Amino acid sequence: MTTKRKRQVESKHSIKDYTAIIKLQEKLISAKESENKAFVKAYKKAVTRADYYLQWIDYYKQIERYSIFLEQQVQHHIRERNEVTRAYNGLHTLGKFAEELDIDIKKYRDKLPENNEDFEFSQSHKLLESGKVKHSYKLKKKKSKKTKEKK
């Protein structure tokens, strides 16, 4: 065979080889495409799971903030309850003291400072470091309309 003929035979073989290689590559590409589709599907599932997980984290943070708010409310209400209890105990002690002095409280109930329009009544109760409660009651006479007009 001549060199030209050899080249033709070689080129025919090489063309067959190239077509086989191309077919293999096409099969490989289609396999990779289906693999990529499966990967994309798995990735989308993972992303939705991550989003779902992040939503739960956000819900948990909101619940945590709300529970802190509720704890603060409980503390506030406990302080208010303690103040009311202290005030009641102070008034109760005054009532006992009045009974010991033989003062009929029921008779003078309507004349109490908080029911009297001529006076301003205020009270405060302070818890001392010793654990005792200091009660203070203030009674001030309201300025009459006549004294206001003079000024």
C-alpha atoms as a PDB file:
ATOM      1  CA  MET A   1       0.000   0.000   0.000  1.00  0.00           C
ATOM      2  CA  THR A   2       1.045   3.365  -0.756  1.00  0.00           C
ATOM      3  CA  THR A   3       1.260   6.054   1.779  1.00  0.00           C
ATOM      4  CA  LYS A   4      -1.750   7.745   0.358  1.00  0.00           C
ATOM      5  CA  ARG A   5      -3.757   4.592   0.684  1.00  0.00           C
ATOM      6  CA  LYS A   6      -2.482   4.010   4.181  1.00  0.00           C
ATOM      7  CA  ARG A   7      -3.566   7.451   5.134  1.00  0.00           C
ATOM      8  CA  GLN A   8      -7.029   6.836   3.739  1.00  0.00           C
ATOM      9  CA  VAL A   9      -7.376   3.583   5.679  1.00  0.00           C
ATOM     10  CA  GLU A  10      -6.064   5.224   8.808  1.00  0.00           C
ATOM     11  CA  SER A  11      -8.421   8.129   8.377  1.00  0.00           C
ATOM     12  CA  LYS A  12     -11.377   5.709   7.997  1.00  0.00           C
ATOM     13  CA  HIS A  13     -10.348   3.971  11.218  1.00  0.00           C
ATOM     14  CA  SER A  14      -9.801   7.250  12.961  1.00  0.00           C
ATOM     15  CA  ILE A  15     -13.218   8.489  11.797  1.00  0.00           C
ATOM     16  CA  LYS A  16     -14.799   5.353  13.277  1.00  0.00           C
ATOM     17  CA  ASP A  17     -12.854   5.929  16.470  1.00  0.00           C
ATOM     18  CA  TYR A  18     -13.962   9.551  16.589  1.00  0.00           C
ATOM     19  CA  THR A  19     -17.606   8.646  16.054  1.00  0.00           C
ATOM     20  CA  ALA A  20     -17.341   6.061  18.829  1.00  0.00           C
ATOM     21  CA  ILE A  21     -15.747   8.626  21.082  1.00  0.00           C
ATOM     22  CA  ILE A  22     -18.456  11.143  20.229  1.00  0.00           C
ATOM     23  CA  LYS A  23     -21.184   8.566  21.001  1.00  0.00           C
ATOM     24  CA  LEU A  24     -19.533   7.775  24.328  1.00  0.00           C
ATOM     25  CA  GLN A  25     -19.304  11.451  25.121  1.00  0.00           C
ATOM     26  CA  GLU A  26     -22.988  11.938  24.223  1.00  0.00           C
ATOM     27  CA  LYS A  27     -23.917   9.079  26.569  1.00  0.00           C
ATOM     28  CA  LEU A  28     -21.720  10.586  29.262  1.00  0.00           C
ATOM     29  CA  ILE A  29     -23.303  14.017  28.754  1.00  0.00           C
ATOM     30  CA  SER A  30     -26.843  12.593  28.992  1.00  0.00           C
ATOM     31  CA  ALA A  31     -25.852  10.660  32.127  1.00  0.00           C
ATOM     32  CA  LYS A  32     -24.387  13.842  33.634  1.00  0.00           C
ATOM     33  CA  GLU A  33     -27.538  15.775  32.713  1.00  0.00           C
ATOM     34  CA  SER A  34     -29.741  13.261  34.538  1.00  0.00           C
ATOM     35  CA  GLU A  35     -27.259  13.329  37.439  1.00  0.00           C
ATOM     36  CA  ASN A  36     -27.439  17.134  37.459  1.00  0.00           C
ATOM     37  CA  LYS A  37     -31.245  17.010  37.438  1.00  0.00           C
ATOM     38  CA  ALA A  38     -31.182  14.702  40.461  1.00  0.00           C
ATOM     39  CA  PHE A  39     -28.681  16.993  42.169  1.00  0.00           C
ATOM     40  CA  VAL A  40     -30.837  20.073  41.490  1.00  0.00           C
ATOM     41  CA  LYS A  41     -33.878  18.253  42.873  1.00  0.00           C
ATOM     42  CA  ALA A  42     -31.964  17.254  46.021  1.00  0.00           C
ATOM     43  CA  TYR A  43     -30.587  20.791  46.325  1.00  0.00           C
ATOM     44  CA  LYS A  44     -34.077  22.298  46.119  1.00  0.00           C
ATOM     45  CA  LYS A  45     -35.263  19.911  48.846  1.00  0.00           C
ATOM     46  CA  ALA A  46     -32.323  20.899  51.018  1.00  0.00           C
ATOM     47  CA  VAL A  47     -33.017  24.594  50.455  1.00  0.00           C
ATOM     48  CA  THR A  48     -36.694  24.206  51.377  1.00  0.00           C
ATOM     49  CA  ARG A  49     -35.697  22.245  54.481  1.00  0.00           C
ATOM     50  CA  ALA A  50     -33.216  24.967  55.395  1.00  0.00           C
ATOM     51  CA  ASP A  51     -35.913  27.624  54.896  1.00  0.00           C
ATOM     52  CA  TYR A  52     -38.278  25.600  57.057  1.00  0.00           C
ATOM     53  CA  TYR A  53     -35.574  25.258  59.706  1.00  0.00           C
ATOM     54  CA  LEU A  54     -34.854  29.011  59.599  1.00  0.00           C
ATOM     55  CA  GLN A  55     -38.562  29.747  60.021  1.00  0.00           C
ATOM     56  CA  TRP A  56     -38.618  27.585  63.154  1.00  0.00           C
ATOM     57  CA  ILE A  57     -35.563  29.407  64.478  1.00  0.00           C
ATOM     58  CA  ASP A  58     -37.379  32.708  63.897  1.00  0.00           C
ATOM     59  CA  TYR A  59     -40.506  31.387  65.656  1.00  0.00           C
ATOM     60  CA  TYR A  60     -38.372  30.224  68.568  1.00  0.00           C
ATOM     61  CA  LYS A  61     -36.773  33.680  68.872  1.00  0.00           C
ATOM     62  CA  GLN A  62     -40.211  35.310  68.877  1.00  0.00           C
ATOM     63  CA  ILE A  63     -41.407  32.919  71.582  1.00  0.00           C
ATOM     64  CA  GLU A  64     -38.278  33.633  73.596  1.00  0.00           C
ATOM     65  CA  ARG A  65     -38.828  37.415  73.344  1.00  0.00           C
ATOM     66  CA  TYR A  66     -42.480  36.999  74.333  1.00  0.00           C
ATOM     67  CA  SER A  67     -41.576  34.824  77.321  1.00  0.00           C
ATOM     68  CA  ILE A  68     -39.103  37.496  78.495  1.00  0.00           C
ATOM     69  CA  PHE A  69     -41.875  40.085  78.127  1.00  0.00           C
ATOM     70  CA  LEU A  70     -44.233  37.890  80.159  1.00  0.00           C
ATOM     71  CA  GLU A  71     -41.613  37.413  82.870  1.00  0.00           C
ATOM     72  CA  GLN A  72     -41.269  41.190  83.126  1.00  0.00           C
ATOM     73  CA  GLN A  73     -45.051  41.517  83.353  1.00  0.00           C
ATOM     74  CA  VAL A  74     -45.140  38.926  86.143  1.00  0.00           C
ATOM     75  CA  GLN A  75     -42.455  40.817  88.066  1.00  0.00           C
ATOM     76  CA  HIS A  76     -44.377  44.082  87.599  1.00  0.00           C
ATOM     77  CA  HIS A  77     -47.630  42.519  88.841  1.00  0.00           C
ATOM     78  CA  ILE A  78     -45.868  40.982  91.831  1.00  0.00           C
ATOM     79  CA  ARG A  79     -44.531  44.443  92.774  1.00  0.00           C
ATOM     80  CA  GLU A  80     -48.002  45.949  92.402  1.00  0.00           C
ATOM     81  CA  ARG A  81     -49.563  43.171  94.499  1.00  0.00           C
ATOM     82  CA  ASN A  82     -46.957  43.709  97.207  1.00  0.00           C
ATOM     83  CA  GLU A  83     -47.692  47.448  97.264  1.00  0.00           C
ATOM     84  CA  VAL A  84     -51.415  46.828  97.594  1.00  0.00           C
ATOM     85  CA  THR A  85     -50.817  44.287 100.359  1.00  0.00           C
ATOM     86  CA  ARG A  86     -48.601  46.725 102.217  1.00  0.00           C
ATOM     87  CA  ALA A  87     -51.234  49.445 101.904  1.00  0.00           C
ATOM     88  CA  TYR A  88     -53.935  47.106 103.151  1.00  0.00           C
ATOM     89  CA  ASN A  89     -51.805  45.961 106.080  1.00  0.00           C
ATOM     90  CA  GLY A  90     -51.123  49.574 107.021  1.00  0.00           C
ATOM     91  CA  LEU A  91     -54.795  50.508 106.925  1.00  0.00           C
ATOM     92  CA  HIS A  92     -55.687  47.362 108.836  1.00  0.00           C
ATOM     93  CA  THR A  93     -53.164  48.265 111.513  1.00  0.00           C
ATOM     94  CA  LEU A  94     -54.679  51.742 111.751  1.00  0.00           C
ATOM     95  CA  GLY A  95     -58.118  50.175 112.084  1.00  0.00           C
ATOM     96  CA  LYS A  96     -56.940  47.941 114.915  1.00  0.00           C
ATOM     97  CA  PHE A  97     -55.338  50.933 116.600  1.00  0.00           C
ATOM     98  CA  ALA A  98     -58.612  52.858 116.300  1.00  0.00           C
ATOM     99  CA  GLU A  99     -60.586  49.981 117.795  1.00  0.00           C
ATOM    100  CA  GLU A 100     -58.130  49.823 120.700  1.00  0.00           C
ATOM    101  CA  LEU A 101     -58.887  53.496 121.328  1.00  0.00           C
ATOM    102  CA  ASP A 102     -62.630  52.660 121.282  1.00  0.00           C
ATOM    103  CA  ILE A 103     -63.274  54.588 118.087  1.00  0.00           C
ATOM    104  CA  ASP A 104     -66.241  53.271 116.099  1.00  0.00           C
ATOM    105  CA  ILE A 105     -64.839  53.004 112.579  1.00  0.00           C
ATOM    106  CA  LYS A 106     -68.200  52.255 110.958  1.00  0.00           C
ATOM    107  CA  LYS A 107     -69.619  55.471 112.369  1.00  0.00           C
ATOM    108  CA  TYR A 108     -66.858  57.570 110.802  1.00  0.00           C
ATOM    109  CA  ARG A 109     -66.480  55.678 107.513  1.00  0.00           C
ATOM    110  CA  ASP A 110     -68.100  58.450 105.469  1.00  0.00           C
ATOM    111  CA  LYS A 111     -65.824  60.997 107.074  1.00  0.00           C
ATOM    112  CA  LEU A 112     -62.656  59.206 105.991  1.00  0.00           C
ATOM    113  CA  PRO A 113     -60.148  61.495 104.248  1.00  0.00           C
ATOM    114  CA  GLU A 114     -60.459  59.734 100.926  1.00  0.00           C
ATOM    115  CA  ASN A 115     -64.228  60.295 101.015  1.00  0.00           C
ATOM    116  CA  ASN A 116     -63.987  63.916 102.127  1.00  0.00           C
ATOM    117  CA  GLU A 117     -64.021  66.535  99.384  1.00  0.00           C
ATOM    118  CA  ASP A 118     -62.318  69.203 101.520  1.00  0.00           C
ATOM    119  CA  PHE A 119     -59.090  67.272 101.955  1.00  0.00           C
ATOM    120  CA  GLU A 120     -56.518  65.593  99.754  1.00  0.00           C
ATOM    121  CA  PHE A 121     -55.524  62.212 101.104  1.00  0.00           C
ATOM    122  CA  SER A 122     -52.429  60.312 100.018  1.00  0.00           C
ATOM    123  CA  GLN A 123     -50.574  57.349 101.375  1.00  0.00           C
ATOM    124  CA  SER A 124     -47.253  55.668 100.703  1.00  0.00           C
ATOM    125  CA  HIS A 125     -45.658  52.492 101.946  1.00  0.00           C
ATOM    126  CA  LYS A 126     -41.937  51.855 101.856  1.00  0.00           C
ATOM    127  CA  LEU A 127     -40.221  48.539 102.527  1.00  0.00           C
ATOM    128  CA  LEU A 128     -37.160  49.135 104.691  1.00  0.00           C
ATOM    129  CA  GLU A 129     -33.938  47.118 104.621  1.00  0.00           C
ATOM    130  CA  SER A 130     -34.843  45.643 108.002  1.00  0.00           C
ATOM    131  CA  GLY A 131     -37.924  44.075 106.426  1.00  0.00           C
ATOM    132  CA  LYS A 132     -40.368  46.392 108.161  1.00  0.00           C
ATOM    133  CA  VAL A 133     -42.749  48.605 106.247  1.00  0.00           C
ATOM    134  CA  LYS A 134     -42.885  52.350 106.844  1.00  0.00           C
ATOM    135  CA  HIS A 135     -46.385  53.722 106.286  1.00  0.00           C
ATOM    136  CA  SER A 136     -46.974  57.399 105.782  1.00  0.00           C
ATOM    137  CA  TYR A 137     -50.349  59.059 105.367  1.00  0.00           C
ATOM    138  CA  LYS A 138     -50.765  62.658 104.278  1.00  0.00           C
ATOM    139  CA  LEU A 139     -53.842  64.769 104.649  1.00  0.00           C
ATOM    140  CA  LYS A 140     -53.858  68.243 103.140  1.00  0.00           C
ATOM    141  CA  LYS A 141     -56.698  70.683 103.182  1.00  0.00           C
ATOM    142  CA  LYS A 142     -57.715  71.701  99.691  1.00  0.00           C
ATOM    143  CA  LYS A 143     -57.658  75.396  98.912  1.00  0.00           C
ATOM    144  CA  SER A 144     -61.145  76.778  98.950  1.00  0.00           C
ATOM    145  CA  LYS A 145     -62.592  78.650  96.011  1.00  0.00           C
ATOM    146  CA  LYS A 146     -62.621  81.903  98.011  1.00  0.00           C
ATOM    147  CA  THR A 147     -58.858  81.807  98.635  1.00  0.00           C
ATOM    148  CA  LYS A 148     -58.263  81.102  94.969  1.00  0.00           C
ATOM    149  CA  GLU A 149     -60.356  84.135  93.981  1.00  0.00           C
ATOM    150  CA  LYS A 150     -58.434  86.455  96.316  1.00  0.00           C
ATOM    151  CA  LYS A 151     -55.164  85.737  94.554  1.00  0.00           C
END
